[in-house]
Amino acid sequence: MLHRLRSLAHVIDMHQLTKDPERIRARYSRTAESVRDTMTAEELFHYLDYCSEMLSLVGKSAALYAQSTSDDVVLTSIEGIESLTTGLQTKIWQKIALLP
């Protein structure tokens, strides 16, 4: 289950690869290979905020496993998931800070 939670955190992160705040700026110039994104700044803010919340839930779900175990390997995995989700949330809030 912890492996699935870690994978879910990475899936949430992968879905943001094309969610770049620069695409909303007037000076952004698309290329033929650019992904078409029709989100407004407000929609992108909400999308990124929801992603942050999902990552928080993933981290908290992993932490629930700590209640019923004292196994060092499991606890280390849980700490890794919590660190991963916290780091990914930080990246999201950096994107949000760049929104016009």
C-alpha atoms as a PDB file:
ATOM      1  CA  MET A   1       0.000   0.000   0.000  1.00  0.00           C
ATOM      2  CA  LEU A   2       2.836   2.414   0.752  1.00  0.00           C
ATOM      3  CA  HIS A   3       4.291   1.759  -2.697  1.00  0.00           C
ATOM      4  CA  ARG A   4       0.902   2.626  -4.222  1.00  0.00           C
ATOM      5  CA  LEU A   5       0.743   5.866  -2.242  1.00  0.00           C
ATOM      6  CA  ARG A   6       4.232   6.826  -3.427  1.00  0.00           C
ATOM      7  CA  SER A   7       3.202   6.041  -7.008  1.00  0.00           C
ATOM      8  CA  LEU A   8       0.048   8.129  -6.623  1.00  0.00           C
ATOM      9  CA  ALA A   9       2.135  11.107  -5.490  1.00  0.00           C
ATOM     10  CA  HIS A  10       4.256  10.787  -8.644  1.00  0.00           C
ATOM     11  CA  VAL A  11       1.142  10.548 -10.852  1.00  0.00           C
ATOM     12  CA  ILE A  12      -0.225  13.746  -9.306  1.00  0.00           C
ATOM     13  CA  ASP A  13       3.124  15.404 -10.006  1.00  0.00           C
ATOM     14  CA  MET A  14       3.284  14.149 -13.609  1.00  0.00           C
ATOM     15  CA  HIS A  15      -0.099  15.674 -14.401  1.00  0.00           C
ATOM     16  CA  GLN A  16       1.364  19.096 -13.685  1.00  0.00           C
ATOM     17  CA  LEU A  17       4.169  18.938 -16.231  1.00  0.00           C
ATOM     18  CA  THR A  18       2.188  21.037 -18.684  1.00  0.00           C
ATOM     19  CA  LYS A  19       0.660  23.315 -16.039  1.00  0.00           C
ATOM     20  CA  ASP A  20       3.216  26.085 -16.336  1.00  0.00           C
ATOM     21  CA  PRO A  21       2.181  29.565 -15.142  1.00  0.00           C
ATOM     22  CA  GLU A  22       4.301  31.072 -17.940  1.00  0.00           C
ATOM     23  CA  ARG A  23       1.742  29.834 -20.488  1.00  0.00           C
ATOM     24  CA  ILE A  24      -0.791  32.320 -19.119  1.00  0.00           C
ATOM     25  CA  ARG A  25       1.444  35.344 -19.547  1.00  0.00           C
ATOM     26  CA  ALA A  26       0.867  37.555 -22.582  1.00  0.00           C
ATOM     27  CA  ARG A  27       4.501  37.301 -23.690  1.00  0.00           C
ATOM     28  CA  TYR A  28       4.386  33.487 -23.904  1.00  0.00           C
ATOM     29  CA  SER A  29       4.789  32.265 -27.474  1.00  0.00           C
ATOM     30  CA  ARG A  30       3.605  28.806 -28.361  1.00  0.00           C
ATOM     31  CA  THR A  31       5.410  26.455 -30.704  1.00  0.00           C
ATOM     32  CA  ALA A  32       3.970  23.718 -32.888  1.00  0.00           C
ATOM     33  CA  GLU A  33       4.866  21.236 -30.149  1.00  0.00           C
ATOM     34  CA  SER A  34       3.306  23.206 -27.273  1.00  0.00           C
ATOM     35  CA  VAL A  35       0.526  21.484 -25.393  1.00  0.00           C
ATOM     36  CA  ARG A  36      -2.740  23.355 -25.790  1.00  0.00           C
ATOM     37  CA  ASP A  37      -3.974  24.523 -22.426  1.00  0.00           C
ATOM     38  CA  THR A  38      -7.102  26.607 -22.091  1.00  0.00           C
ATOM     39  CA  MET A  39      -7.020  27.220 -18.342  1.00  0.00           C
ATOM     40  CA  THR A  40      -7.336  30.754 -17.066  1.00  0.00           C
ATOM     41  CA  ALA A  41      -5.095  31.947 -14.230  1.00  0.00           C
ATOM     42  CA  GLU A  42      -7.919  31.365 -11.753  1.00  0.00           C
ATOM     43  CA  GLU A  43      -8.617  27.859 -13.053  1.00  0.00           C
ATOM     44  CA  LEU A  44      -4.914  27.007 -12.924  1.00  0.00           C
ATOM     45  CA  PHE A  45      -4.733  28.309  -9.354  1.00  0.00           C
ATOM     46  CA  HIS A  46      -7.598  26.041  -8.306  1.00  0.00           C
ATOM     47  CA  TYR A  47      -6.161  23.073 -10.193  1.00  0.00           C
ATOM     48  CA  LEU A  48      -2.773  23.445  -8.535  1.00  0.00           C
ATOM     49  CA  ASP A  49      -4.377  24.008  -5.138  1.00  0.00           C
ATOM     50  CA  TYR A  50      -6.376  20.787  -5.536  1.00  0.00           C
ATOM     51  CA  CYS A  51      -3.199  18.933  -6.501  1.00  0.00           C
ATOM     52  CA  SER A  52      -1.553  20.244  -3.348  1.00  0.00           C
ATOM     53  CA  GLU A  53      -4.495  19.009  -1.290  1.00  0.00           C
ATOM     54  CA  MET A  54      -4.327  15.578  -2.935  1.00  0.00           C
ATOM     55  CA  LEU A  55      -0.639  15.339  -2.107  1.00  0.00           C
ATOM     56  CA  SER A  56      -1.417  16.280   1.473  1.00  0.00           C
ATOM     57  CA  LEU A  57      -3.976  13.472   1.636  1.00  0.00           C
ATOM     58  CA  VAL A  58      -1.447  11.003   0.237  1.00  0.00           C
ATOM     59  CA  GLY A  59       1.077  11.999   2.913  1.00  0.00           C
ATOM     60  CA  LYS A  60      -1.507  11.800   5.681  1.00  0.00           C
ATOM     61  CA  SER A  61      -2.731   8.418   4.431  1.00  0.00           C
ATOM     62  CA  ALA A  62       0.819   7.090   4.613  1.00  0.00           C
ATOM     63  CA  ALA A  63       1.167   8.507   8.136  1.00  0.00           C
ATOM     64  CA  LEU A  64      -1.875   6.501   9.234  1.00  0.00           C
ATOM     65  CA  TYR A  65       0.178   3.347   8.732  1.00  0.00           C
ATOM     66  CA  ALA A  66       2.594   4.555  11.407  1.00  0.00           C
ATOM     67  CA  GLN A  67      -0.109   4.112  14.031  1.00  0.00           C
ATOM     68  CA  SER A  68      -0.083   0.352  13.798  1.00  0.00           C
ATOM     69  CA  THR A  69       3.583  -0.487  13.316  1.00  0.00           C
ATOM     70  CA  SER A  70       6.970  -0.078  14.878  1.00  0.00           C
ATOM     71  CA  ASP A  71       8.806  -1.666  11.938  1.00  0.00           C
ATOM     72  CA  ASP A  72      11.762   0.551  11.038  1.00  0.00           C
ATOM     73  CA  VAL A  73      11.544  -0.215   7.312  1.00  0.00           C
ATOM     74  CA  VAL A  74       7.873   0.730   7.179  1.00  0.00           C
ATOM     75  CA  LEU A  75       8.450   3.877   9.223  1.00  0.00           C
ATOM     76  CA  THR A  76      11.315   4.900   6.941  1.00  0.00           C
ATOM     77  CA  SER A  77       9.054   4.397   3.907  1.00  0.00           C
ATOM     78  CA  ILE A  78       6.364   6.525   5.516  1.00  0.00           C
ATOM     79  CA  GLU A  79       8.846   9.302   6.242  1.00  0.00           C
ATOM     80  CA  GLY A  80       9.999   9.120   2.616  1.00  0.00           C
ATOM     81  CA  ILE A  81       6.444   9.503   1.337  1.00  0.00           C
ATOM     82  CA  GLU A  82       5.814  12.419   3.666  1.00  0.00           C
ATOM     83  CA  SER A  83       9.027  14.110   2.489  1.00  0.00           C
ATOM     84  CA  LEU A  84       8.149  13.455  -1.143  1.00  0.00           C
ATOM     85  CA  THR A  85       4.665  14.897  -0.861  1.00  0.00           C
ATOM     86  CA  THR A  86       5.889  17.926   1.086  1.00  0.00           C
ATOM     87  CA  GLY A  87       8.540  18.609  -1.551  1.00  0.00           C
ATOM     88  CA  LEU A  88       6.032  18.282  -4.375  1.00  0.00           C
ATOM     89  CA  GLN A  89       3.639  20.616  -2.572  1.00  0.00           C
ATOM     90  CA  THR A  90       6.436  23.180  -2.322  1.00  0.00           C
ATOM     91  CA  LYS A  91       6.921  22.986  -6.103  1.00  0.00           C
ATOM     92  CA  ILE A  92       3.199  23.544  -6.604  1.00  0.00           C
ATOM     93  CA  TRP A  93       3.139  26.627  -4.403  1.00  0.00           C
ATOM     94  CA  GLN A  94       6.124  28.000  -6.290  1.00  0.00           C
ATOM     95  CA  LYS A  95       4.063  27.683  -9.484  1.00  0.00           C
ATOM     96  CA  ILE A  96       1.089  29.344  -7.799  1.00  0.00           C
ATOM     97  CA  ALA A  97       3.298  32.236  -6.711  1.00  0.00           C
ATOM     98  CA  LEU A  98       4.191  32.841 -10.368  1.00  0.00           C
ATOM     99  CA  LEU A  99       0.597  33.167 -11.522  1.00  0.00           C
ATOM    100  CA  PRO A 100      -0.320  36.608 -12.831  1.00  0.00           C
END
